[in-house]
Amino acid sequence: MKPEDLQRLVTTIMPYGKYQGRLIADFPGAYLAWYARKGFPKGDLGNLLALALEIDHNGLKRLLDPLRKRP
């Protein structure tokens, strides 16, 4: 993981699937766990989903709040 990956969690939008159009940081933990069982996609998107799962699983989602853009 690189520090900029945390910023990318709050700016990257899911390009397909059930949560298409939503930020990866906003995915529910159950969906991320399902993806882990199914197998994350290869490449950058899969890495971000795996990171989101780790953050959610360890109860650290609030750490992303300062990285979100404020209106």
PDB file of N, CA and C in Angstrom:
ATOM      1  N   MET A   1       0.834  -1.179   0.000  1.00  0.00           N
ATOM      2  CA  MET A   1       0.000   0.000   0.000  1.00  0.00           C
ATOM      3  C   MET A   1       0.877   1.241   0.000  1.00  0.00           C
ATOM      4  N   LYS A   2       0.450   2.207  -0.773  1.00  0.00           N
ATOM      5  CA  LYS A   2       1.099   3.511  -0.801  1.00  0.00           C
ATOM      6  C   LYS A   2       0.155   4.510  -0.129  1.00  0.00           C
ATOM      7  N   PRO A   3       0.687   5.551   0.485  1.00  0.00           N
ATOM      8  CA  PRO A   3      -0.183   6.528   1.156  1.00  0.00           C
ATOM      9  C   PRO A   3      -1.260   7.108   0.238  1.00  0.00           C
ATOM     10  N   GLU A   4      -0.943   7.289  -1.020  1.00  0.00           N
ATOM     11  CA  GLU A   4      -1.929   7.858  -1.948  1.00  0.00           C
ATOM     12  C   GLU A   4      -3.093   6.904  -2.218  1.00  0.00           C
ATOM     13  N   ASP A   5      -2.933   5.629  -1.886  1.00  0.00           N
ATOM     14  CA  ASP A   5      -4.037   4.673  -2.052  1.00  0.00           C
ATOM     15  C   ASP A   5      -5.216   5.039  -1.155  1.00  0.00           C
ATOM     16  N   LEU A   6      -4.943   5.590   0.014  1.00  0.00           N
ATOM     17  CA  LEU A   6      -6.032   6.006   0.895  1.00  0.00           C
ATOM     18  C   LEU A   6      -6.851   7.118   0.252  1.00  0.00           C
ATOM     19  N   GLN A   7      -6.178   8.061  -0.379  1.00  0.00           N
ATOM     20  CA  GLN A   7      -6.886   9.141  -1.073  1.00  0.00           C
ATOM     21  C   GLN A   7      -7.695   8.585  -2.238  1.00  0.00           C
ATOM     22  N   ARG A   8      -7.149   7.596  -2.905  1.00  0.00           N
ATOM     23  CA  ARG A   8      -7.846   7.008  -4.048  1.00  0.00           C
ATOM     24  C   ARG A   8      -9.106   6.265  -3.625  1.00  0.00           C
ATOM     25  N   LEU A   9      -9.150   5.747  -2.407  1.00  0.00           N
ATOM     26  CA  LEU A   9     -10.370   5.091  -1.919  1.00  0.00           C
ATOM     27  C   LEU A   9     -11.546   6.056  -1.862  1.00  0.00           C
ATOM     28  N   VAL A  10     -11.277   7.315  -1.564  1.00  0.00           N
ATOM     29  CA  VAL A  10     -12.358   8.297  -1.440  1.00  0.00           C
ATOM     30  C   VAL A  10     -12.584   9.090  -2.725  1.00  0.00           C
ATOM     31  N   THR A  11     -11.876   8.732  -3.796  1.00  0.00           N
ATOM     32  CA  THR A  11     -12.075   9.421  -5.082  1.00  0.00           C
ATOM     33  C   THR A  11     -12.380   8.466  -6.229  1.00  0.00           C
ATOM     34  N   THR A  12     -12.116   7.174  -6.053  1.00  0.00           N
ATOM     35  CA  THR A  12     -12.332   6.208  -7.131  1.00  0.00           C
ATOM     36  C   THR A  12     -13.756   5.685  -7.101  1.00  0.00           C
ATOM     37  N   ILE A  13     -14.400   5.751  -8.249  1.00  0.00           N
ATOM     38  CA  ILE A  13     -15.777   5.293  -8.398  1.00  0.00           C
ATOM     39  C   ILE A  13     -15.774   3.913  -9.033  1.00  0.00           C
ATOM     40  N   MET A  14     -16.613   3.033  -8.513  1.00  0.00           N
ATOM     41  CA  MET A  14     -16.718   1.674  -9.040  1.00  0.00           C
ATOM     42  C   MET A  14     -17.281   1.731 -10.457  1.00  0.00           C
ATOM     43  N   PRO A  15     -16.574   1.136 -11.418  1.00  0.00           N
ATOM     44  CA  PRO A  15     -16.994   1.248 -12.812  1.00  0.00           C
ATOM     45  C   PRO A  15     -18.092   0.266 -13.235  1.00  0.00           C
ATOM     46  N   TYR A  16     -18.403  -0.733 -12.422  1.00  0.00           N
ATOM     47  CA  TYR A  16     -19.402  -1.730 -12.828  1.00  0.00           C
ATOM     48  C   TYR A  16     -19.968  -2.434 -11.595  1.00  0.00           C
ATOM     49  N   GLY A  17     -20.991  -3.241 -11.818  1.00  0.00           N
ATOM     50  CA  GLY A  17     -21.536  -4.085 -10.763  1.00  0.00           C
ATOM     51  C   GLY A  17     -22.612  -3.437  -9.925  1.00  0.00           C
ATOM     52  N   LYS A  18     -22.932  -4.095  -8.834  1.00  0.00           N
ATOM     53  CA  LYS A  18     -24.014  -3.688  -7.942  1.00  0.00           C
ATOM     54  C   LYS A  18     -23.833  -2.265  -7.422  1.00  0.00           C
ATOM     55  N   TYR A  19     -22.608  -1.879  -7.155  1.00  0.00           N
ATOM     56  CA  TYR A  19     -22.336  -0.550  -6.600  1.00  0.00           C
ATOM     57  C   TYR A  19     -21.685   0.379  -7.628  1.00  0.00           C
ATOM     58  N   GLN A  20     -22.003   0.179  -8.879  1.00  0.00           N
ATOM     59  CA  GLN A  20     -21.485   1.038  -9.943  1.00  0.00           C
ATOM     60  C   GLN A  20     -21.847   2.493  -9.641  1.00  0.00           C
ATOM     61  N   GLY A  21     -20.862   3.371  -9.787  1.00  0.00           N
ATOM     62  CA  GLY A  21     -21.082   4.790  -9.565  1.00  0.00           C
ATOM     63  C   GLY A  21     -20.858   5.258  -8.133  1.00  0.00           C
ATOM     64  N   ARG A  22     -20.566   4.339  -7.209  1.00  0.00           N
ATOM     65  CA  ARG A  22     -20.317   4.711  -5.819  1.00  0.00           C
ATOM     66  C   ARG A  22     -18.830   4.680  -5.514  1.00  0.00           C
ATOM     67  N   LEU A  23     -18.433   5.493  -4.555  1.00  0.00           N
ATOM     68  CA  LEU A  23     -17.037   5.503  -4.122  1.00  0.00           C
ATOM     69  C   LEU A  23     -16.700   4.177  -3.441  1.00  0.00           C
ATOM     70  N   ILE A  24     -15.508   3.680  -3.692  1.00  0.00           N
ATOM     71  CA  ILE A  24     -15.087   2.418  -3.086  1.00  0.00           C
ATOM     72  C   ILE A  24     -15.080   2.527  -1.562  1.00  0.00           C
ATOM     73  N   ALA A  25     -14.745   3.671  -1.032  1.00  0.00           N
ATOM     74  CA  ALA A  25     -14.719   3.864   0.420  1.00  0.00           C
ATOM     75  C   ALA A  25     -16.100   3.723   1.048  1.00  0.00           C
ATOM     76  N   ASP A  26     -17.156   3.832   0.258  1.00  0.00           N
ATOM     77  CA  ASP A  26     -18.524   3.775   0.781  1.00  0.00           C
ATOM     78  C   ASP A  26     -19.148   2.390   0.686  1.00  0.00           C
ATOM     79  N   PHE A  27     -18.404   1.406   0.223  1.00  0.00           N
ATOM     80  CA  PHE A  27     -18.967   0.061   0.091  1.00  0.00           C
ATOM     81  C   PHE A  27     -19.216  -0.549   1.462  1.00  0.00           C
ATOM     82  N   PRO A  28     -20.317  -1.276   1.598  1.00  0.00           N
ATOM     83  CA  PRO A  28     -20.541  -1.975   2.872  1.00  0.00           C
ATOM     84  C   PRO A  28     -19.566  -3.134   3.046  1.00  0.00           C
ATOM     85  N   GLY A  29     -19.226  -3.408   4.289  1.00  0.00           N
ATOM     86  CA  GLY A  29     -18.285  -4.479   4.587  1.00  0.00           C
ATOM     87  C   GLY A  29     -18.719  -5.826   4.056  1.00  0.00           C
ATOM     88  N   ALA A  30     -20.021  -6.105   4.084  1.00  0.00           N
ATOM     89  CA  ALA A  30     -20.515  -7.397   3.605  1.00  0.00           C
ATOM     90  C   ALA A  30     -20.219  -7.581   2.115  1.00  0.00           C
ATOM     91  N   TYR A  31     -20.333  -6.509   1.346  1.00  0.00           N
ATOM     92  CA  TYR A  31     -20.038  -6.599  -0.091  1.00  0.00           C
ATOM     93  C   TYR A  31     -18.543  -6.819  -0.322  1.00  0.00           C
ATOM     94  N   LEU A  32     -17.725  -6.133   0.435  1.00  0.00           N
ATOM     95  CA  LEU A  32     -16.281  -6.318   0.304  1.00  0.00           C
ATOM     96  C   LEU A  32     -15.871  -7.735   0.697  1.00  0.00           C
ATOM     97  N   ALA A  33     -16.501  -8.277   1.739  1.00  0.00           N
ATOM     98  CA  ALA A  33     -16.210  -9.652   2.153  1.00  0.00           C
ATOM     99  C   ALA A  33     -16.660 -10.641   1.084  1.00  0.00           C
ATOM    100  N   TRP A  34     -17.808 -10.384   0.472  1.00  0.00           N
ATOM    101  CA  TRP A  34     -18.278 -11.239  -0.624  1.00  0.00           C
ATOM    102  C   TRP A  34     -17.273 -11.222  -1.774  1.00  0.00           C
ATOM    103  N   TYR A  35     -16.792 -10.032  -2.098  1.00  0.00           N
ATOM    104  CA  TYR A  35     -15.810  -9.909  -3.182  1.00  0.00           C
ATOM    105  C   TYR A  35     -14.535 -10.674  -2.835  1.00  0.00           C
ATOM    106  N   ALA A  36     -14.130 -10.634  -1.590  1.00  0.00           N
ATOM    107  CA  ALA A  36     -12.925 -11.358  -1.164  1.00  0.00           C
ATOM    108  C   ALA A  36     -13.113 -12.862  -1.359  1.00  0.00           C
ATOM    109  N   ARG A  37     -14.298 -13.360  -1.025  1.00  0.00           N
ATOM    110  CA  ARG A  37     -14.569 -14.791  -1.214  1.00  0.00           C
ATOM    111  C   ARG A  37     -14.624 -15.159  -2.695  1.00  0.00           C
ATOM    112  N   LYS A  38     -15.203 -14.271  -3.495  1.00  0.00           N
ATOM    113  CA  LYS A  38     -15.328 -14.501  -4.934  1.00  0.00           C
ATOM    114  C   LYS A  38     -13.970 -14.364  -5.626  1.00  0.00           C
ATOM    115  N   GLY A  39     -13.177 -13.443  -5.126  1.00  0.00           N
ATOM    116  CA  GLY A  39     -11.882 -13.124  -5.730  1.00  0.00           C
ATOM    117  C   GLY A  39     -11.903 -11.704  -6.261  1.00  0.00           C
ATOM    118  N   PHE A  40     -11.026 -10.885  -5.729  1.00  0.00           N
ATOM    119  CA  PHE A  40     -10.945  -9.501  -6.198  1.00  0.00           C
ATOM    120  C   PHE A  40     -10.470  -9.472  -7.642  1.00  0.00           C
ATOM    121  N   PRO A  41     -10.895  -8.465  -8.404  1.00  0.00           N
ATOM    122  CA  PRO A  41     -10.389  -8.350  -9.774  1.00  0.00           C
ATOM    123  C   PRO A  41      -8.878  -8.092  -9.763  1.00  0.00           C
ATOM    124  N   LYS A  42      -8.241  -8.414 -10.850  1.00  0.00           N
ATOM    125  CA  LYS A  42      -6.804  -8.179 -10.980  1.00  0.00           C
ATOM    126  C   LYS A  42      -6.530  -6.686 -11.084  1.00  0.00           C
ATOM    127  N   GLY A  43      -5.347  -6.313 -10.726  1.00  0.00           N
ATOM    128  CA  GLY A  43      -4.885  -4.945 -10.940  1.00  0.00           C
ATOM    129  C   GLY A  43      -5.264  -3.972  -9.852  1.00  0.00           C
ATOM    130  N   ASP A  44      -5.281  -2.707 -10.248  1.00  0.00           N
ATOM    131  CA  ASP A  44      -5.460  -1.595  -9.331  1.00  0.00           C
ATOM    132  C   ASP A  44      -6.805  -1.642  -8.602  1.00  0.00           C
ATOM    133  N   LEU A  45      -7.871  -1.933  -9.321  1.00  0.00           N
ATOM    134  CA  LEU A  45      -9.190  -1.974  -8.706  1.00  0.00           C
ATOM    135  C   LEU A  45      -9.247  -3.043  -7.618  1.00  0.00           C
ATOM    136  N   GLY A  46      -8.726  -4.206  -7.897  1.00  0.00           N
ATOM    137  CA  GLY A  46      -8.699  -5.275  -6.908  1.00  0.00           C
ATOM    138  C   GLY A  46      -7.897  -4.897  -5.677  1.00  0.00           C
ATOM    139  N   ASN A  47      -6.787  -4.219  -5.881  1.00  0.00           N
ATOM    140  CA  ASN A  47      -5.965  -3.768  -4.748  1.00  0.00           C
ATOM    141  C   ASN A  47      -6.725  -2.767  -3.874  1.00  0.00           C
ATOM    142  N   LEU A  48      -7.464  -1.864  -4.503  1.00  0.00           N
ATOM    143  CA  LEU A  48      -8.239  -0.892  -3.736  1.00  0.00           C
ATOM    144  C   LEU A  48      -9.377  -1.569  -2.971  1.00  0.00           C
ATOM    145  N   LEU A  49     -10.025  -2.531  -3.592  1.00  0.00           N
ATOM    146  CA  LEU A  49     -11.095  -3.257  -2.909  1.00  0.00           C
ATOM    147  C   LEU A  49     -10.552  -4.034  -1.707  1.00  0.00           C
ATOM    148  N   ALA A  50      -9.394  -4.645  -1.874  1.00  0.00           N
ATOM    149  CA  ALA A  50      -8.769  -5.381  -0.767  1.00  0.00           C
ATOM    150  C   ALA A  50      -8.392  -4.429   0.369  1.00  0.00           C
ATOM    151  N   LEU A  51      -7.887  -3.257   0.028  1.00  0.00           N
ATOM    152  CA  LEU A  51      -7.546  -2.262   1.046  1.00  0.00           C
ATOM    153  C   LEU A  51      -8.805  -1.784   1.769  1.00  0.00           C
ATOM    154  N   ALA A  52      -9.875  -1.550   1.017  1.00  0.00           N
ATOM    155  CA  ALA A  52     -11.138  -1.133   1.620  1.00  0.00           C
ATOM    156  C   ALA A  52     -11.654  -2.194   2.593  1.00  0.00           C
ATOM    157  N   LEU A  53     -11.495  -3.458   2.240  1.00  0.00           N
ATOM    158  CA  LEU A  53     -11.907  -4.541   3.131  1.00  0.00           C
ATOM    159  C   LEU A  53     -11.102  -4.522   4.424  1.00  0.00           C
ATOM    160  N   GLU A  54      -9.801  -4.360   4.320  1.00  0.00           N
ATOM    161  CA  GLU A  54      -8.951  -4.322   5.516  1.00  0.00           C
ATOM    162  C   GLU A  54      -9.324  -3.160   6.426  1.00  0.00           C
ATOM    163  N   ILE A  55      -9.574  -2.012   5.836  1.00  0.00           N
ATOM    164  CA  ILE A  55      -9.946  -0.831   6.614  1.00  0.00           C
ATOM    165  C   ILE A  55     -11.282  -1.065   7.310  1.00  0.00           C
ATOM    166  N   ASP A  56     -12.252  -1.610   6.575  1.00  0.00           N
ATOM    167  CA  ASP A  56     -13.560  -1.874   7.150  1.00  0.00           C
ATOM    168  C   ASP A  56     -13.475  -2.939   8.243  1.00  0.00           C
ATOM    169  N   HIS A  57     -12.785  -4.011   7.962  1.00  0.00           N
ATOM    170  CA  HIS A  57     -12.677  -5.130   8.898  1.00  0.00           C
ATOM    171  C   HIS A  57     -12.038  -4.715  10.227  1.00  0.00           C
ATOM    172  N   ASN A  58     -11.117  -3.789  10.163  1.00  0.00           N
ATOM    173  CA  ASN A  58     -10.418  -3.339  11.362  1.00  0.00           C
ATOM    174  C   ASN A  58     -11.050  -2.095  12.003  1.00  0.00           C
ATOM    175  N   GLY A  59     -12.216  -1.701  11.504  1.00  0.00           N
ATOM    176  CA  GLY A  59     -12.940  -0.578  12.089  1.00  0.00           C
ATOM    177  C   GLY A  59     -12.256   0.765  11.916  1.00  0.00           C
ATOM    178  N   LEU A  60     -11.595   0.953  10.789  1.00  0.00           N
ATOM    179  CA  LEU A  60     -10.813   2.174  10.573  1.00  0.00           C
ATOM    180  C   LEU A  60     -11.409   3.123   9.534  1.00  0.00           C
ATOM    181  N   LYS A  61     -12.666   2.936   9.169  1.00  0.00           N
ATOM    182  CA  LYS A  61     -13.262   3.771   8.123  1.00  0.00           C
ATOM    183  C   LYS A  61     -13.221   5.263   8.455  1.00  0.00           C
ATOM    184  N   ARG A  62     -13.263   5.593   9.732  1.00  0.00           N
ATOM    185  CA  ARG A  62     -13.235   7.012  10.119  1.00  0.00           C
ATOM    186  C   ARG A  62     -11.925   7.684   9.746  1.00  0.00           C
ATOM    187  N   LEU A  63     -10.881   6.909   9.546  1.00  0.00           N
ATOM    188  CA  LEU A  63      -9.602   7.500   9.134  1.00  0.00           C
ATOM    189  C   LEU A  63      -9.682   8.130   7.746  1.00  0.00           C
ATOM    190  N   LEU A  64     -10.654   7.719   6.962  1.00  0.00           N
ATOM    191  CA  LEU A  64     -10.803   8.265   5.615  1.00  0.00           C
ATOM    192  C   LEU A  64     -11.557   9.598   5.610  1.00  0.00           C
ATOM    193  N   ASP A  65     -12.251   9.915   6.691  1.00  0.00           N
ATOM    194  CA  ASP A  65     -13.068  11.132   6.726  1.00  0.00           C
ATOM    195  C   ASP A  65     -12.288  12.400   6.404  1.00  0.00           C
ATOM    196  N   PRO A  66     -11.100  12.606   6.961  1.00  0.00           N
ATOM    197  CA  PRO A  66     -10.371  13.851   6.615  1.00  0.00           C
ATOM    198  C   PRO A  66      -9.938  13.922   5.149  1.00  0.00           C
ATOM    199  N   LEU A  67      -9.905  12.782   4.481  1.00  0.00           N
ATOM    200  CA  LEU A  67      -9.471  12.770   3.083  1.00  0.00           C
ATOM    201  C   LEU A  67     -10.604  13.095   2.104  1.00  0.00           C
ATOM    202  N   ARG A  68     -11.817  13.018   2.585  1.00  0.00           N
ATOM    203  CA  ARG A  68     -12.968  13.332   1.730  1.00  0.00           C
ATOM    204  C   ARG A  68     -13.023  14.827   1.478  1.00  0.00           C
ATOM    205  N   LYS A  69     -13.408  15.184   0.267  1.00  0.00           N
ATOM    206  CA  LYS A  69     -13.509  16.607  -0.059  1.00  0.00           C
ATOM    207  C   LYS A  69     -14.742  17.198   0.601  1.00  0.00           C
ATOM    208  N   ARG A  70     -14.556  18.311   1.220  1.00  0.00           N
ATOM    209  CA  ARG A  70     -15.655  19.016   1.880  1.00  0.00           C
ATOM    210  C   ARG A  70     -16.219  20.040   0.908  1.00  0.00           C
ATOM    211  N   PRO A  71     -17.559  20.207   0.907  1.00  0.00           N
ATOM    212  CA  PRO A  71     -18.164  21.222   0.005  1.00  0.00           C
ATOM    213  C   PRO A  71     -17.819  22.636   0.407  1.00  0.00           C
TER     214      PRO A  71
END
